[in-house]
Amino acid sequence: MVLLSQELDPEQRLRVNTFFLTPDEALEANALADSMTRLWRAGKLDVEIVDP
């Protein structure tokens, strides 16, 4: 999962590259990213933010 800079993603959501996933896998990965975003915003998930 990646967290893009606020300039690129004002919503600040964790995202998954779904290019090589099947449609069902992509839906599952995006649902997981959404749940992880909620945990991160609640302070219950450690996220390491590094410069590209």
PDB file of N, CA and C in Angstrom:
ATOM      1  N   MET A   1       0.843  -1.168   0.000  1.00  0.00           N
ATOM      2  CA  MET A   1       0.000   0.000   0.000  1.00  0.00           C
ATOM      3  C   MET A   1       0.887   1.230   0.000  1.00  0.00           C
ATOM      4  N   VAL A   2       0.384   2.256  -0.623  1.00  0.00           N
ATOM      5  CA  VAL A   2       1.105   3.515  -0.653  1.00  0.00           C
ATOM      6  C   VAL A   2       0.184   4.634  -0.179  1.00  0.00           C
ATOM      7  N   LEU A   3       0.806   5.640   0.352  1.00  0.00           N
ATOM      8  CA  LEU A   3       0.103   6.855   0.743  1.00  0.00           C
ATOM      9  C   LEU A   3       0.756   7.977  -0.038  1.00  0.00           C
ATOM     10  N   LEU A   4       0.037   8.496  -1.010  1.00  0.00           N
ATOM     11  CA  LEU A   4       0.581   9.550  -1.858  1.00  0.00           C
ATOM     12  C   LEU A   4       0.611  10.875  -1.100  1.00  0.00           C
ATOM     13  N   SER A   5       1.430  11.793  -1.580  1.00  0.00           N
ATOM     14  CA  SER A   5       1.518  13.106  -0.932  1.00  0.00           C
ATOM     15  C   SER A   5       0.165  13.815  -1.036  1.00  0.00           C
ATOM     16  N   GLN A   6      -0.046  14.751  -0.159  1.00  0.00           N
ATOM     17  CA  GLN A   6      -1.321  15.465  -0.124  1.00  0.00           C
ATOM     18  C   GLN A   6      -1.559  16.248  -1.420  1.00  0.00           C
ATOM     19  N   GLU A   7      -0.489  16.663  -2.086  1.00  0.00           N
ATOM     20  CA  GLU A   7      -0.644  17.370  -3.358  1.00  0.00           C
ATOM     21  C   GLU A   7      -1.234  16.448  -4.432  1.00  0.00           C
ATOM     22  N   LEU A   8      -0.840  15.176  -4.401  1.00  0.00           N
ATOM     23  CA  LEU A   8      -1.336  14.208  -5.385  1.00  0.00           C
ATOM     24  C   LEU A   8      -2.651  13.568  -4.962  1.00  0.00           C
ATOM     25  N   ASP A   9      -2.875  13.453  -3.670  1.00  0.00           N
ATOM     26  CA  ASP A   9      -4.078  12.804  -3.160  1.00  0.00           C
ATOM     27  C   ASP A   9      -4.606  13.572  -1.958  1.00  0.00           C
ATOM     28  N   PRO A  10      -5.427  14.587  -2.204  1.00  0.00           N
ATOM     29  CA  PRO A  10      -5.945  15.386  -1.089  1.00  0.00           C
ATOM     30  C   PRO A  10      -6.741  14.567  -0.076  1.00  0.00           C
ATOM     31  N   GLU A  11      -7.307  13.409  -0.494  1.00  0.00           N
ATOM     32  CA  GLU A  11      -8.078  12.561   0.423  1.00  0.00           C
ATOM     33  C   GLU A  11      -7.182  11.794   1.389  1.00  0.00           C
ATOM     34  N   GLN A  12      -5.880  11.660   1.047  1.00  0.00           N
ATOM     35  CA  GLN A  12      -4.924  10.926   1.875  1.00  0.00           C
ATOM     36  C   GLN A  12      -5.451   9.533   2.222  1.00  0.00           C
ATOM     37  N   ARG A  13      -5.704   8.723   1.179  1.00  0.00           N
ATOM     38  CA  ARG A  13      -6.129   7.334   1.338  1.00  0.00           C
ATOM     39  C   ARG A  13      -4.982   6.406   0.984  1.00  0.00           C
ATOM     40  N   LEU A  14      -4.870   5.314   1.727  1.00  0.00           N
ATOM     41  CA  LEU A  14      -3.921   4.277   1.349  1.00  0.00           C
ATOM     42  C   LEU A  14      -4.420   3.641   0.066  1.00  0.00           C
ATOM     43  N   ARG A  15      -3.499   3.352  -0.852  1.00  0.00           N
ATOM     44  CA  ARG A  15      -3.876   2.820  -2.155  1.00  0.00           C
ATOM     45  C   ARG A  15      -3.047   1.592  -2.492  1.00  0.00           C
ATOM     46  N   VAL A  16      -3.611   0.765  -3.391  1.00  0.00           N
ATOM     47  CA  VAL A  16      -2.968  -0.464  -3.839  1.00  0.00           C
ATOM     48  C   VAL A  16      -2.898  -0.425  -5.364  1.00  0.00           C
ATOM     49  N   ASN A  17      -1.764  -0.846  -5.918  1.00  0.00           N
ATOM     50  CA  ASN A  17      -1.653  -0.978  -7.365  1.00  0.00           C
ATOM     51  C   ASN A  17      -2.407  -2.239  -7.766  1.00  0.00           C
ATOM     52  N   THR A  18      -3.490  -2.074  -8.500  1.00  0.00           N
ATOM     53  CA  THR A  18      -4.333  -3.212  -8.872  1.00  0.00           C
ATOM     54  C   THR A  18      -4.156  -3.609 -10.335  1.00  0.00           C
ATOM     55  N   PHE A  19      -3.154  -3.077 -11.003  1.00  0.00           N
ATOM     56  CA  PHE A  19      -2.979  -3.304 -12.434  1.00  0.00           C
ATOM     57  C   PHE A  19      -2.927  -4.785 -12.797  1.00  0.00           C
ATOM     58  N   PHE A  20      -2.217  -5.587 -12.023  1.00  0.00           N
ATOM     59  CA  PHE A  20      -2.032  -7.000 -12.355  1.00  0.00           C
ATOM     60  C   PHE A  20      -2.998  -7.926 -11.612  1.00  0.00           C
ATOM     61  N   LEU A  21      -4.020  -7.375 -10.998  1.00  0.00           N
ATOM     62  CA  LEU A  21      -4.983  -8.174 -10.259  1.00  0.00           C
ATOM     63  C   LEU A  21      -6.230  -8.422 -11.105  1.00  0.00           C
ATOM     64  N   THR A  22      -6.911  -9.511 -10.795  1.00  0.00           N
ATOM     65  CA  THR A  22      -8.204  -9.749 -11.436  1.00  0.00           C
ATOM     66  C   THR A  22      -9.195  -8.730 -10.873  1.00  0.00           C
ATOM     67  N   PRO A  23     -10.324  -8.524 -11.548  1.00  0.00           N
ATOM     68  CA  PRO A  23     -11.312  -7.572 -11.010  1.00  0.00           C
ATOM     69  C   PRO A  23     -11.745  -7.903  -9.582  1.00  0.00           C
ATOM     70  N   ASP A  24     -11.956  -9.191  -9.289  1.00  0.00           N
ATOM     71  CA  ASP A  24     -12.342  -9.572  -7.922  1.00  0.00           C
ATOM     72  C   ASP A  24     -11.225  -9.282  -6.919  1.00  0.00           C
ATOM     73  N   GLU A  25      -9.982  -9.578  -7.305  1.00  0.00           N
ATOM     74  CA  GLU A  25      -8.843  -9.295  -6.426  1.00  0.00           C
ATOM     75  C   GLU A  25      -8.691  -7.796  -6.206  1.00  0.00           C
ATOM     76  N   ALA A  26      -8.916  -7.009  -7.253  1.00  0.00           N
ATOM     77  CA  ALA A  26      -8.800  -5.556  -7.144  1.00  0.00           C
ATOM     78  C   ALA A  26      -9.849  -5.002  -6.180  1.00  0.00           C
ATOM     79  N   LEU A  27     -11.070  -5.508  -6.271  1.00  0.00           N
ATOM     80  CA  LEU A  27     -12.110  -5.064  -5.338  1.00  0.00           C
ATOM     81  C   LEU A  27     -11.745  -5.405  -3.901  1.00  0.00           C
ATOM     82  N   GLU A  28     -11.224  -6.597  -3.690  1.00  0.00           N
ATOM     83  CA  GLU A  28     -10.815  -7.024  -2.355  1.00  0.00           C
ATOM     84  C   GLU A  28      -9.650  -6.176  -1.838  1.00  0.00           C
ATOM     85  N   ALA A  29      -8.677  -5.897  -2.712  1.00  0.00           N
ATOM     86  CA  ALA A  29      -7.519  -5.089  -2.317  1.00  0.00           C
ATOM     87  C   ALA A  29      -7.940  -3.663  -1.971  1.00  0.00           C
ATOM     88  N   ASN A  30      -8.854  -3.107  -2.749  1.00  0.00           N
ATOM     89  CA  ASN A  30      -9.321  -1.746  -2.468  1.00  0.00           C
ATOM     90  C   ASN A  30     -10.129  -1.693  -1.182  1.00  0.00           C
ATOM     91  N   ALA A  31     -10.908  -2.726  -0.908  1.00  0.00           N
ATOM     92  CA  ALA A  31     -11.648  -2.783   0.358  1.00  0.00           C
ATOM     93  C   ALA A  31     -10.685  -2.856   1.539  1.00  0.00           C
ATOM     94  N   LEU A  32      -9.625  -3.658   1.401  1.00  0.00           N
ATOM     95  CA  LEU A  32      -8.610  -3.742   2.448  1.00  0.00           C
ATOM     96  C   LEU A  32      -7.923  -2.391   2.649  1.00  0.00           C
ATOM     97  N   ALA A  33      -7.583  -1.719   1.558  1.00  0.00           N
ATOM     98  CA  ALA A  33      -6.940  -0.401   1.655  1.00  0.00           C
ATOM     99  C   ALA A  33      -7.858   0.594   2.357  1.00  0.00           C
ATOM    100  N   ASP A  34      -9.148   0.538   2.058  1.00  0.00           N
ATOM    101  CA  ASP A  34     -10.096   1.439   2.728  1.00  0.00           C
ATOM    102  C   ASP A  34     -10.154   1.160   4.230  1.00  0.00           C
ATOM    103  N   SER A  35     -10.175  -0.123   4.609  1.00  0.00           N
ATOM    104  CA  SER A  35     -10.219  -0.439   6.037  1.00  0.00           C
ATOM    105  C   SER A  35      -8.911  -0.046   6.730  1.00  0.00           C
ATOM    106  N   MET A  36      -7.791  -0.215   6.053  1.00  0.00           N
ATOM    107  CA  MET A  36      -6.507   0.195   6.628  1.00  0.00           C
ATOM    108  C   MET A  36      -6.422   1.713   6.745  1.00  0.00           C
ATOM    109  N   THR A  37      -7.016   2.433   5.801  1.00  0.00           N
ATOM    110  CA  THR A  37      -7.055   3.900   5.877  1.00  0.00           C
ATOM    111  C   THR A  37      -7.823   4.332   7.112  1.00  0.00           C
ATOM    112  N   ARG A  38      -8.942   3.675   7.388  1.00  0.00           N
ATOM    113  CA  ARG A  38      -9.725   4.017   8.587  1.00  0.00           C
ATOM    114  C   ARG A  38      -8.915   3.759   9.857  1.00  0.00           C
ATOM    115  N   LEU A  39      -8.209   2.637   9.907  1.00  0.00           N
ATOM    116  CA  LEU A  39      -7.367   2.337  11.073  1.00  0.00           C
ATOM    117  C   LEU A  39      -6.249   3.365  11.223  1.00  0.00           C
ATOM    118  N   TRP A  40      -5.623   3.745  10.112  1.00  0.00           N
ATOM    119  CA  TRP A  40      -4.534   4.724  10.147  1.00  0.00           C
ATOM    120  C   TRP A  40      -5.039   6.063  10.674  1.00  0.00           C
ATOM    121  N   ARG A  41      -6.183   6.495  10.165  1.00  0.00           N
ATOM    122  CA  ARG A  41      -6.744   7.780  10.615  1.00  0.00           C
ATOM    123  C   ARG A  41      -7.129   7.752  12.093  1.00  0.00           C
ATOM    124  N   ALA A  42      -7.495   6.570  12.595  1.00  0.00           N
ATOM    125  CA  ALA A  42      -7.866   6.423  14.007  1.00  0.00           C
ATOM    126  C   ALA A  42      -6.635   6.260  14.904  1.00  0.00           C
ATOM    127  N   GLY A  43      -5.447   6.231  14.295  1.00  0.00           N
ATOM    128  CA  GLY A  43      -4.219   6.087  15.069  1.00  0.00           C
ATOM    129  C   GLY A  43      -3.937   4.662  15.500  1.00  0.00           C
ATOM    130  N   LYS A  44      -4.575   3.685  14.851  1.00  0.00           N
ATOM    131  CA  LYS A  44      -4.411   2.288  15.227  1.00  0.00           C
ATOM    132  C   LYS A  44      -3.542   1.504  14.246  1.00  0.00           C
ATOM    133  N   LEU A  45      -2.891   2.207  13.343  1.00  0.00           N
ATOM    134  CA  LEU A  45      -2.046   1.543  12.353  1.00  0.00           C
ATOM    135  C   LEU A  45      -0.794   2.383  12.140  1.00  0.00           C
ATOM    136  N   ASP A  46       0.361   1.754  12.292  1.00  0.00           N
ATOM    137  CA  ASP A  46       1.606   2.458  12.043  1.00  0.00           C
ATOM    138  C   ASP A  46       1.868   2.458  10.542  1.00  0.00           C
ATOM    139  N   VAL A  47       2.160   3.625  10.008  1.00  0.00           N
ATOM    140  CA  VAL A  47       2.476   3.775   8.598  1.00  0.00           C
ATOM    141  C   VAL A  47       3.837   4.422   8.489  1.00  0.00           C
ATOM    142  N   GLU A  48       4.716   3.818   7.761  1.00  0.00           N
ATOM    143  CA  GLU A  48       6.038   4.412   7.540  1.00  0.00           C
ATOM    144  C   GLU A  48       5.980   5.248   6.272  1.00  0.00           C
ATOM    145  N   ILE A  49       6.210   6.534   6.416  1.00  0.00           N
ATOM    146  CA  ILE A  49       6.172   7.442   5.279  1.00  0.00           C
ATOM    147  C   ILE A  49       7.621   7.756   4.901  1.00  0.00           C
ATOM    148  N   VAL A  50       7.978   7.407   3.662  1.00  0.00           N
ATOM    149  CA  VAL A  50       9.346   7.638   3.179  1.00  0.00           C
ATOM    150  C   VAL A  50       9.292   8.495   1.929  1.00  0.00           C
ATOM    151  N   ASP A  51      10.371   9.204   1.688  1.00  0.00           N
ATOM    152  CA  ASP A  51      10.467   9.996   0.460  1.00  0.00           C
ATOM    153  C   ASP A  51      10.672   9.047  -0.709  1.00  0.00           C
ATOM    154  N   PRO A  52      10.077   9.386  -1.855  1.00  0.00           N
ATOM    155  CA  PRO A  52      10.223   8.505  -3.033  1.00  0.00           C
ATOM    156  C   PRO A  52      11.626   8.445  -3.555  1.00  0.00           C
TER     157      PRO A  52
END
